[in-house]
Amino acid sequence: MVSYAGLDVREKTSGTSVKSKPQISKRGNRNLRKVMHFPTLAAIRTDERFRDIFLRLVSRHGIKMKAIVAIQRKLLELTFIFWKNNSYYNAEHEYYIISS
């Protein structure tokens, strides 16, 4: 699901001469990436677990958009797991999935 959305990591390497920073591939469905953007911002603003992850990633890298994309990926994985298992939102279950 992550690669379908284009949120998977792509690393460009050419032997030992060229090495660039890893980026998201953006080869997937751009509409799915667009749809996940505002729910991610809402999750960061309202849920303390996502806010803690966001602040930890921003303090480590200093790039807010990188942290937002990481949380987008986590939300997409969480949504897919709930859909696949036909289950509902449970705060304890979410904490277990996000922290791993």
PDB file of N, CA and C in Angstrom:
ATOM      1  N   MET A   1       0.824  -1.182   0.000  1.00  0.00           N
ATOM      2  CA  MET A   1       0.000   0.000   0.000  1.00  0.00           C
ATOM      3  C   MET A   1       0.874   1.254   0.000  1.00  0.00           C
ATOM      4  N   VAL A   2       1.958   1.197   0.721  1.00  0.00           N
ATOM      5  CA  VAL A   2       2.856   2.352   0.803  1.00  0.00           C
ATOM      6  C   VAL A   2       3.478   2.645  -0.557  1.00  0.00           C
ATOM      7  N   SER A   3       3.889   1.613  -1.273  1.00  0.00           N
ATOM      8  CA  SER A   3       4.478   1.848  -2.591  1.00  0.00           C
ATOM      9  C   SER A   3       3.420   2.273  -3.594  1.00  0.00           C
ATOM     10  N   TYR A   4       2.176   1.802  -3.433  1.00  0.00           N
ATOM     11  CA  TYR A   4       1.089   2.233  -4.314  1.00  0.00           C
ATOM     12  C   TYR A   4       0.843   3.732  -4.160  1.00  0.00           C
ATOM     13  N   ALA A   5       0.992   4.232  -2.949  1.00  0.00           N
ATOM     14  CA  ALA A   5       0.796   5.661  -2.705  1.00  0.00           C
ATOM     15  C   ALA A   5       2.028   6.478  -3.080  1.00  0.00           C
ATOM     16  N   GLY A   6       3.159   5.831  -3.274  1.00  0.00           N
ATOM     17  CA  GLY A   6       4.380   6.555  -3.610  1.00  0.00           C
ATOM     18  C   GLY A   6       5.096   7.105  -2.400  1.00  0.00           C
ATOM     19  N   LEU A   7       4.835   6.540  -1.238  1.00  0.00           N
ATOM     20  CA  LEU A   7       5.486   6.993  -0.012  1.00  0.00           C
ATOM     21  C   LEU A   7       6.655   6.091   0.386  1.00  0.00           C
ATOM     22  N   ASP A   8       7.047   5.195  -0.505  1.00  0.00           N
ATOM     23  CA  ASP A   8       8.180   4.331  -0.206  1.00  0.00           C
ATOM     24  C   ASP A   8       9.491   5.073  -0.478  1.00  0.00           C
ATOM     25  N   VAL A   9      10.553   4.629   0.145  1.00  0.00           N
ATOM     26  CA  VAL A   9      11.842   5.316   0.067  1.00  0.00           C
ATOM     27  C   VAL A   9      12.603   4.833  -1.168  1.00  0.00           C
ATOM     28  N   ARG A  10      13.173   5.778  -1.879  1.00  0.00           N
ATOM     29  CA  ARG A  10      13.986   5.476  -3.055  1.00  0.00           C
ATOM     30  C   ARG A  10      15.365   6.077  -2.822  1.00  0.00           C
ATOM     31  N   GLU A  11      16.370   5.270  -3.016  1.00  0.00           N
ATOM     32  CA  GLU A  11      17.738   5.736  -2.845  1.00  0.00           C
ATOM     33  C   GLU A  11      18.452   5.616  -4.182  1.00  0.00           C
ATOM     34  N   LYS A  12      19.050   6.710  -4.627  1.00  0.00           N
ATOM     35  CA  LYS A  12      19.750   6.719  -5.901  1.00  0.00           C
ATOM     36  C   LYS A  12      21.232   6.516  -5.653  1.00  0.00           C
ATOM     37  N   THR A  13      21.776   5.446  -6.209  1.00  0.00           N
ATOM     38  CA  THR A  13      23.210   5.208  -6.099  1.00  0.00           C
ATOM     39  C   THR A  13      23.741   4.773  -7.449  1.00  0.00           C
ATOM     40  N   SER A  14      24.938   5.179  -7.730  1.00  0.00           N
ATOM     41  CA  SER A  14      25.596   4.789  -8.968  1.00  0.00           C
ATOM     42  C   SER A  14      27.020   4.369  -8.622  1.00  0.00           C
ATOM     43  N   GLY A  15      27.166   3.144  -8.209  1.00  0.00           N
ATOM     44  CA  GLY A  15      28.480   2.678  -7.794  1.00  0.00           C
ATOM     45  C   GLY A  15      28.936   3.410  -6.547  1.00  0.00           C
ATOM     46  N   THR A  16      30.149   3.894  -6.566  1.00  0.00           N
ATOM     47  CA  THR A  16      30.676   4.639  -5.424  1.00  0.00           C
ATOM     48  C   THR A  16      30.804   6.120  -5.730  1.00  0.00           C
ATOM     49  N   SER A  17      30.510   6.524  -6.970  1.00  0.00           N
ATOM     50  CA  SER A  17      30.767   7.909  -7.345  1.00  0.00           C
ATOM     51  C   SER A  17      29.634   8.851  -6.955  1.00  0.00           C
ATOM     52  N   VAL A  18      28.396   8.409  -7.070  1.00  0.00           N
ATOM     53  CA  VAL A  18      27.263   9.299  -6.811  1.00  0.00           C
ATOM     54  C   VAL A  18      26.388   8.676  -5.736  1.00  0.00           C
ATOM     55  N   LYS A  19      26.153   9.413  -4.694  1.00  0.00           N
ATOM     56  CA  LYS A  19      25.280   8.945  -3.635  1.00  0.00           C
ATOM     57  C   LYS A  19      24.408  10.098  -3.186  1.00  0.00           C
ATOM     58  N   SER A  20      23.099   9.990  -3.395  1.00  0.00           N
ATOM     59  CA  SER A  20      22.205  11.065  -2.999  1.00  0.00           C
ATOM     60  C   SER A  20      21.407  10.658  -1.763  1.00  0.00           C
ATOM     61  N   LYS A  21      20.719  11.623  -1.184  1.00  0.00           N
ATOM     62  CA  LYS A  21      19.909  11.358  -0.017  1.00  0.00           C
ATOM     63  C   LYS A  21      18.675  10.541  -0.403  1.00  0.00           C
ATOM     64  N   PRO A  22      18.221   9.649   0.464  1.00  0.00           N
ATOM     65  CA  PRO A  22      17.000   8.908   0.172  1.00  0.00           C
ATOM     66  C   PRO A  22      15.793   9.852   0.130  1.00  0.00           C
ATOM     67  N   GLN A  23      14.877   9.594  -0.797  1.00  0.00           N
ATOM     68  CA  GLN A  23      13.666  10.394  -0.952  1.00  0.00           C
ATOM     69  C   GLN A  23      12.483   9.458  -1.109  1.00  0.00           C
ATOM     70  N   ILE A  24      11.266   9.998  -0.996  1.00  0.00           N
ATOM     71  CA  ILE A  24      10.111   9.176  -1.320  1.00  0.00           C
ATOM     72  C   ILE A  24      10.043   9.070  -2.836  1.00  0.00           C
ATOM     73  N   SER A  25       9.515   7.959  -3.323  1.00  0.00           N
ATOM     74  CA  SER A  25       9.584   7.702  -4.756  1.00  0.00           C
ATOM     75  C   SER A  25       8.618   8.561  -5.563  1.00  0.00           C
ATOM     76  N   LYS A  26       7.450   8.885  -5.040  1.00  0.00           N
ATOM     77  CA  LYS A  26       6.408   9.644  -5.735  1.00  0.00           C
ATOM     78  C   LYS A  26       5.965   8.957  -7.024  1.00  0.00           C
ATOM     79  N   ARG A  27       6.212   7.668  -7.163  1.00  0.00           N
ATOM     80  CA  ARG A  27       5.802   6.939  -8.358  1.00  0.00           C
ATOM     81  C   ARG A  27       4.403   6.369  -8.227  1.00  0.00           C
ATOM     82  N   GLY A  28       3.794   6.541  -7.088  1.00  0.00           N
ATOM     83  CA  GLY A  28       2.484   5.964  -6.863  1.00  0.00           C
ATOM     84  C   GLY A  28       1.367   6.945  -7.172  1.00  0.00           C
ATOM     85  N   ASN A  29       0.240   6.688  -6.589  1.00  0.00           N
ATOM     86  CA  ASN A  29      -0.967   7.468  -6.800  1.00  0.00           C
ATOM     87  C   ASN A  29      -0.849   8.816  -6.082  1.00  0.00           C
ATOM     88  N   ARG A  30      -0.721   9.886  -6.837  1.00  0.00           N
ATOM     89  CA  ARG A  30      -0.534  11.193  -6.207  1.00  0.00           C
ATOM     90  C   ARG A  30      -1.804  11.676  -5.526  1.00  0.00           C
ATOM     91  N   ASN A  31      -2.964  11.226  -6.000  1.00  0.00           N
ATOM     92  CA  ASN A  31      -4.211  11.618  -5.347  1.00  0.00           C
ATOM     93  C   ASN A  31      -4.299  11.038  -3.938  1.00  0.00           C
ATOM     94  N   LEU A  32      -3.806   9.837  -3.757  1.00  0.00           N
ATOM     95  CA  LEU A  32      -3.784   9.234  -2.426  1.00  0.00           C
ATOM     96  C   LEU A  32      -2.848  10.004  -1.500  1.00  0.00           C
ATOM     97  N   ARG A  33      -1.712  10.434  -2.016  1.00  0.00           N
ATOM     98  CA  ARG A  33      -0.803  11.257  -1.206  1.00  0.00           C
ATOM     99  C   ARG A  33      -1.468  12.583  -0.837  1.00  0.00           C
ATOM    100  N   LYS A  34      -2.186  13.185  -1.779  1.00  0.00           N
ATOM    101  CA  LYS A  34      -2.887  14.450  -1.502  1.00  0.00           C
ATOM    102  C   LYS A  34      -3.955  14.267  -0.436  1.00  0.00           C
ATOM    103  N   VAL A  35      -4.709  13.170  -0.551  1.00  0.00           N
ATOM    104  CA  VAL A  35      -5.794  12.919   0.400  1.00  0.00           C
ATOM    105  C   VAL A  35      -5.258  12.680   1.804  1.00  0.00           C
ATOM    106  N   MET A  36      -4.076  12.119   1.934  1.00  0.00           N
ATOM    107  CA  MET A  36      -3.509  11.819   3.248  1.00  0.00           C
ATOM    108  C   MET A  36      -2.879  13.039   3.924  1.00  0.00           C
ATOM    109  N   HIS A  37      -2.723  14.145   3.206  1.00  0.00           N
ATOM    110  CA  HIS A  37      -1.999  15.285   3.762  1.00  0.00           C
ATOM    111  C   HIS A  37      -2.766  15.960   4.906  1.00  0.00           C
ATOM    112  N   PHE A  38      -4.013  16.363   4.679  1.00  0.00           N
ATOM    113  CA  PHE A  38      -4.743  17.081   5.724  1.00  0.00           C
ATOM    114  C   PHE A  38      -5.097  16.221   6.932  1.00  0.00           C
ATOM    115  N   PRO A  39      -5.470  14.952   6.755  1.00  0.00           N
ATOM    116  CA  PRO A  39      -5.656  14.122   7.956  1.00  0.00           C
ATOM    117  C   PRO A  39      -4.377  13.977   8.785  1.00  0.00           C
ATOM    118  N   THR A  40      -3.245  13.992   8.111  1.00  0.00           N
ATOM    119  CA  THR A  40      -1.977  13.924   8.837  1.00  0.00           C
ATOM    120  C   THR A  40      -1.763  15.171   9.673  1.00  0.00           C
ATOM    121  N   LEU A  41      -2.044  16.328   9.093  1.00  0.00           N
ATOM    122  CA  LEU A  41      -1.898  17.569   9.851  1.00  0.00           C
ATOM    123  C   LEU A  41      -2.856  17.606  11.030  1.00  0.00           C
ATOM    124  N   ALA A  42      -4.074  17.107  10.825  1.00  0.00           N
ATOM    125  CA  ALA A  42      -5.044  17.056  11.919  1.00  0.00           C
ATOM    126  C   ALA A  42      -4.590  16.083  13.010  1.00  0.00           C
ATOM    127  N   ALA A  43      -4.007  14.955  12.608  1.00  0.00           N
ATOM    128  CA  ALA A  43      -3.526  13.982  13.592  1.00  0.00           C
ATOM    129  C   ALA A  43      -2.378  14.559  14.414  1.00  0.00           C
ATOM    130  N   ILE A  44      -1.499  15.296  13.766  1.00  0.00           N
ATOM    131  CA  ILE A  44      -0.384  15.916  14.481  1.00  0.00           C
ATOM    132  C   ILE A  44      -0.906  16.948  15.482  1.00  0.00           C
ATOM    133  N   ARG A  45      -1.929  17.687  15.080  1.00  0.00           N
ATOM    134  CA  ARG A  45      -2.468  18.745  15.933  1.00  0.00           C
ATOM    135  C   ARG A  45      -3.273  18.189  17.104  1.00  0.00           C
ATOM    136  N   THR A  46      -4.007  17.077  16.900  1.00  0.00           N
ATOM    137  CA  THR A  46      -4.943  16.631  17.929  1.00  0.00           C
ATOM    138  C   THR A  46      -4.475  15.422  18.735  1.00  0.00           C
ATOM    139  N   ASP A  47      -3.666  14.554  18.165  1.00  0.00           N
ATOM    140  CA  ASP A  47      -3.266  13.325  18.852  1.00  0.00           C
ATOM    141  C   ASP A  47      -1.858  13.497  19.411  1.00  0.00           C
ATOM    142  N   GLU A  48      -1.723  13.277  20.700  1.00  0.00           N
ATOM    143  CA  GLU A  48      -0.426  13.506  21.339  1.00  0.00           C
ATOM    144  C   GLU A  48       0.645  12.513  20.876  1.00  0.00           C
ATOM    145  N   ARG A  49       0.249  11.301  20.501  1.00  0.00           N
ATOM    146  CA  ARG A  49       1.243  10.319  20.039  1.00  0.00           C
ATOM    147  C   ARG A  49       1.864  10.748  18.723  1.00  0.00           C
ATOM    148  N   PHE A  50       1.021  11.194  17.795  1.00  0.00           N
ATOM    149  CA  PHE A  50       1.543  11.666  16.517  1.00  0.00           C
ATOM    150  C   PHE A  50       2.338  12.959  16.696  1.00  0.00           C
ATOM    151  N   ARG A  51       1.899  13.804  17.619  1.00  0.00           N
ATOM    152  CA  ARG A  51       2.629  15.047  17.883  1.00  0.00           C
ATOM    153  C   ARG A  51       4.010  14.746  18.440  1.00  0.00           C
ATOM    154  N   ASP A  52       4.099  13.760  19.323  1.00  0.00           N
ATOM    155  CA  ASP A  52       5.402  13.378  19.879  1.00  0.00           C
ATOM    156  C   ASP A  52       6.334  12.835  18.798  1.00  0.00           C
ATOM    157  N   ILE A  53       5.792  12.011  17.914  1.00  0.00           N
ATOM    158  CA  ILE A  53       6.593  11.488  16.806  1.00  0.00           C
ATOM    159  C   ILE A  53       7.057  12.627  15.912  1.00  0.00           C
ATOM    160  N   PHE A  54       6.140  13.549  15.613  1.00  0.00           N
ATOM    161  CA  PHE A  54       6.465  14.697  14.767  1.00  0.00           C
ATOM    162  C   PHE A  54       7.588  15.532  15.381  1.00  0.00           C
ATOM    163  N   LEU A  55       7.454  15.848  16.656  1.00  0.00           N
ATOM    164  CA  LEU A  55       8.474  16.672  17.319  1.00  0.00           C
ATOM    165  C   LEU A  55       9.815  15.953  17.397  1.00  0.00           C
ATOM    166  N   ARG A  56       9.783  14.638  17.623  1.00  0.00           N
ATOM    167  CA  ARG A  56      11.026  13.869  17.663  1.00  0.00           C
ATOM    168  C   ARG A  56      11.726  13.891  16.310  1.00  0.00           C
ATOM    169  N   LEU A  57      10.970  13.707  15.223  1.00  0.00           N
ATOM    170  CA  LEU A  57      11.572  13.702  13.898  1.00  0.00           C
ATOM    171  C   LEU A  57      12.068  15.087  13.487  1.00  0.00           C
ATOM    172  N   VAL A  58      11.325  16.133  13.843  1.00  0.00           N
ATOM    173  CA  VAL A  58      11.759  17.492  13.515  1.00  0.00           C
ATOM    174  C   VAL A  58      13.016  17.851  14.293  1.00  0.00           C
ATOM    175  N   SER A  59      13.086  17.429  15.543  1.00  0.00           N
ATOM    176  CA  SER A  59      14.290  17.736  16.319  1.00  0.00           C
ATOM    177  C   SER A  59      15.506  16.966  15.794  1.00  0.00           C
ATOM    178  N   ARG A  60      15.277  15.784  15.226  1.00  0.00           N
ATOM    179  CA  ARG A  60      16.376  14.998  14.692  1.00  0.00           C
ATOM    180  C   ARG A  60      16.857  15.537  13.343  1.00  0.00           C
ATOM    181  N   HIS A  61      15.918  15.844  12.429  1.00  0.00           N
ATOM    182  CA  HIS A  61      16.285  16.224  11.068  1.00  0.00           C
ATOM    183  C   HIS A  61      16.171  17.720  10.807  1.00  0.00           C
ATOM    184  N   GLY A  62      15.261  18.394  11.503  1.00  0.00           N
ATOM    185  CA  GLY A  62      15.063  19.818  11.282  1.00  0.00           C
ATOM    186  C   GLY A  62      14.176  20.138  10.097  1.00  0.00           C
ATOM    187  N   ILE A  63      13.600  19.129   9.453  1.00  0.00           N
ATOM    188  CA  ILE A  63      12.760  19.339   8.277  1.00  0.00           C
ATOM    189  C   ILE A  63      11.345  18.886   8.617  1.00  0.00           C
ATOM    190  N   LYS A  64      10.418  19.840   8.653  1.00  0.00           N
ATOM    191  CA  LYS A  64       9.051  19.528   9.051  1.00  0.00           C
ATOM    192  C   LYS A  64       8.340  18.656   8.027  1.00  0.00           C
ATOM    193  N   MET A  65       8.553  18.898   6.746  1.00  0.00           N
ATOM    194  CA  MET A  65       7.860  18.128   5.723  1.00  0.00           C
ATOM    195  C   MET A  65       8.287  16.668   5.735  1.00  0.00           C
ATOM    196  N   LYS A  66       9.519  16.415   6.070  1.00  0.00           N
ATOM    197  CA  LYS A  66       9.999  15.041   6.182  1.00  0.00           C
ATOM    198  C   LYS A  66       9.252  14.307   7.291  1.00  0.00           C
ATOM    199  N   ALA A  67       9.018  14.985   8.393  1.00  0.00           N
ATOM    200  CA  ALA A  67       8.279  14.395   9.503  1.00  0.00           C
ATOM    201  C   ALA A  67       6.811  14.192   9.132  1.00  0.00           C
ATOM    202  N   ILE A  68       6.235  15.120   8.391  1.00  0.00           N
ATOM    203  CA  ILE A  68       4.843  14.992   7.972  1.00  0.00           C
ATOM    204  C   ILE A  68       4.676  13.794   7.042  1.00  0.00           C
ATOM    205  N   VAL A  69       5.599  13.603   6.129  1.00  0.00           N
ATOM    206  CA  VAL A  69       5.534  12.463   5.210  1.00  0.00           C
ATOM    207  C   VAL A  69       5.697  11.150   5.977  1.00  0.00           C
ATOM    208  N   ALA A  70       6.543  11.130   6.980  1.00  0.00           N
ATOM    209  CA  ALA A  70       6.716   9.915   7.785  1.00  0.00           C
ATOM    210  C   ALA A  70       5.419   9.568   8.509  1.00  0.00           C
ATOM    211  N   ILE A  71       4.729  10.573   9.014  1.00  0.00           N
ATOM    212  CA  ILE A  71       3.462  10.324   9.700  1.00  0.00           C
ATOM    213  C   ILE A  71       2.377   9.960   8.696  1.00  0.00           C
ATOM    214  N   GLN A  72       2.434  10.522   7.487  1.00  0.00           N
ATOM    215  CA  GLN A  72       1.501  10.106   6.435  1.00  0.00           C
ATOM    216  C   GLN A  72       1.628   8.614   6.182  1.00  0.00           C
ATOM    217  N   ARG A  73       2.840   8.165   6.111  1.00  0.00           N
ATOM    218  CA  ARG A  73       3.081   6.742   5.874  1.00  0.00           C
ATOM    219  C   ARG A  73       2.538   5.898   7.022  1.00  0.00           C
ATOM    220  N   LYS A  74       2.760   6.335   8.248  1.00  0.00           N
ATOM    221  CA  LYS A  74       2.251   5.604   9.404  1.00  0.00           C
ATOM    222  C   LYS A  74       0.722   5.554   9.398  1.00  0.00           C
ATOM    223  N   LEU A  75       0.081   6.674   9.067  1.00  0.00           N
ATOM    224  CA  LEU A  75      -1.374   6.703   9.016  1.00  0.00           C
ATOM    225  C   LEU A  75      -1.909   5.794   7.905  1.00  0.00           C
ATOM    226  N   LEU A  76      -1.242   5.789   6.778  1.00  0.00           N
ATOM    227  CA  LEU A  76      -1.668   4.933   5.678  1.00  0.00           C
ATOM    228  C   LEU A  76      -1.538   3.459   6.049  1.00  0.00           C
ATOM    229  N   GLU A  77      -0.446   3.090   6.687  1.00  0.00           N
ATOM    230  CA  GLU A  77      -0.266   1.713   7.134  1.00  0.00           C
ATOM    231  C   GLU A  77      -1.329   1.339   8.160  1.00  0.00           C
ATOM    232  N   LEU A  78      -1.611   2.242   9.085  1.00  0.00           N
ATOM    233  CA  LEU A  78      -2.612   2.001  10.120  1.00  0.00           C
ATOM    234  C   LEU A  78      -3.996   1.838   9.500  1.00  0.00           C
ATOM    235  N   THR A  79      -4.334   2.685   8.542  1.00  0.00           N
ATOM    236  CA  THR A  79      -5.627   2.597   7.860  1.00  0.00           C
ATOM    237  C   THR A  79      -5.757   1.277   7.115  1.00  0.00           C
ATOM    238  N   PHE A  80      -4.710   0.876   6.438  1.00  0.00           N
ATOM    239  CA  PHE A  80      -4.744  -0.382   5.697  1.00  0.00           C
ATOM    240  C   PHE A  80      -4.903  -1.571   6.635  1.00  0.00           C
ATOM    241  N   ILE A  81      -4.226  -1.568   7.766  1.00  0.00           N
ATOM    242  CA  ILE A  81      -4.340  -2.664   8.730  1.00  0.00           C
ATOM    243  C   ILE A  81      -5.758  -2.750   9.281  1.00  0.00           C
ATOM    244  N   PHE A  82      -6.359  -1.594   9.595  1.00  0.00           N
ATOM    245  CA  PHE A  82      -7.737  -1.610  10.090  1.00  0.00           C
ATOM    246  C   PHE A  82      -8.698  -2.125   9.027  1.00  0.00           C
ATOM    247  N   TRP A  83      -8.494  -1.714   7.783  1.00  0.00           N
ATOM    248  CA  TRP A  83      -9.364  -2.168   6.704  1.00  0.00           C
ATOM    249  C   TRP A  83      -9.193  -3.672   6.469  1.00  0.00           C
ATOM    250  N   LYS A  84      -7.960  -4.134   6.471  1.00  0.00           N
ATOM    251  CA  LYS A  84      -7.670  -5.545   6.202  1.00  0.00           C
ATOM    252  C   LYS A  84      -8.239  -6.453   7.283  1.00  0.00           C
ATOM    253  N   ASN A  85      -8.123  -6.032   8.536  1.00  0.00           N
ATOM    254  CA  ASN A  85      -8.601  -6.852   9.652  1.00  0.00           C
ATOM    255  C   ASN A  85     -10.055  -6.575  10.008  1.00  0.00           C
ATOM    256  N   ASN A  86     -10.671  -5.638   9.295  1.00  0.00           N
ATOM    257  CA  ASN A  86     -12.054  -5.251   9.556  1.00  0.00           C
ATOM    258  C   ASN A  86     -12.244  -4.897  11.033  1.00  0.00           C
ATOM    259  N   SER A  87     -11.356  -4.076  11.553  1.00  0.00           N
ATOM    260  CA  SER A  87     -11.399  -3.675  12.957  1.00  0.00           C
ATOM    261  C   SER A  87     -11.590  -2.171  13.059  1.00  0.00           C
ATOM    262  N   TYR A  88     -11.770  -1.705  14.265  1.00  0.00           N
ATOM    263  CA  TYR A  88     -12.017  -0.292  14.527  1.00  0.00           C
ATOM    264  C   TYR A  88     -10.864   0.324  15.299  1.00  0.00           C
ATOM    265  N   TYR A  89     -10.893   1.623  15.406  1.00  0.00           N
ATOM    266  CA  TYR A  89      -9.847   2.376  16.093  1.00  0.00           C
ATOM    267  C   TYR A  89      -9.834   2.038  17.578  1.00  0.00           C
ATOM    268  N   ASN A  90      -8.662   1.735  18.093  1.00  0.00           N
ATOM    269  CA  ASN A  90      -8.471   1.470  19.504  1.00  0.00           C
ATOM    270  C   ASN A  90      -7.150   2.127  19.893  1.00  0.00           C
ATOM    271  N   ALA A  91      -7.159   3.004  20.865  1.00  0.00           N
ATOM    272  CA  ALA A  91      -5.977   3.793  21.206  1.00  0.00           C
ATOM    273  C   ALA A  91      -4.786   2.913  21.612  1.00  0.00           C
ATOM    274  N   GLU A  92      -5.023   1.842  22.359  1.00  0.00           N
ATOM    275  CA  GLU A  92      -3.920   0.971  22.762  1.00  0.00           C
ATOM    276  C   GLU A  92      -3.332   0.244  21.551  1.00  0.00           C
ATOM    277  N   HIS A  93      -4.186  -0.170  20.643  1.00  0.00           N
ATOM    278  CA  HIS A  93      -3.724  -0.870  19.445  1.00  0.00           C
ATOM    279  C   HIS A  93      -2.905   0.073  18.573  1.00  0.00           C
ATOM    280  N   GLU A  94      -3.347   1.301  18.451  1.00  0.00           N
ATOM    281  CA  GLU A  94      -2.632   2.279  17.640  1.00  0.00           C
ATOM    282  C   GLU A  94      -1.249   2.558  18.222  1.00  0.00           C
ATOM    283  N   TYR A  95      -1.154   2.686  19.532  1.00  0.00           N
ATOM    284  CA  TYR A  95       0.130   2.967  20.160  1.00  0.00           C
ATOM    285  C   TYR A  95       1.114   1.833  19.890  1.00  0.00           C
ATOM    286  N   TYR A  96       0.629   0.601  19.908  1.00  0.00           N
ATOM    287  CA  TYR A  96       1.497  -0.550  19.643  1.00  0.00           C
ATOM    288  C   TYR A  96       2.025  -0.519  18.212  1.00  0.00           C
ATOM    289  N   ILE A  97       1.165  -0.214  17.258  1.00  0.00           N
ATOM    290  CA  ILE A  97       1.556  -0.214  15.849  1.00  0.00           C
ATOM    291  C   ILE A  97       2.527   0.933  15.555  1.00  0.00           C
ATOM    292  N   ILE A  98       2.242   2.107  16.074  1.00  0.00           N
ATOM    293  CA  ILE A  98       3.077   3.274  15.765  1.00  0.00           C
ATOM    294  C   ILE A  98       4.439   3.172  16.414  1.00  0.00           C
ATOM    295  N   SER A  99       4.524   2.639  17.602  1.00  0.00           N
ATOM    296  CA  SER A  99       5.793   2.618  18.290  1.00  0.00           C
ATOM    297  C   SER A  99       6.750   1.571  17.726  1.00  0.00           C
ATOM    298  N   SER A 100       6.259   0.626  16.951  1.00  0.00           N
ATOM    299  CA  SER A 100       7.155  -0.407  16.429  1.00  0.00           C
ATOM    300  C   SER A 100       7.839   0.031  15.150  1.00  0.00           C
TER     301      SER A 100
END
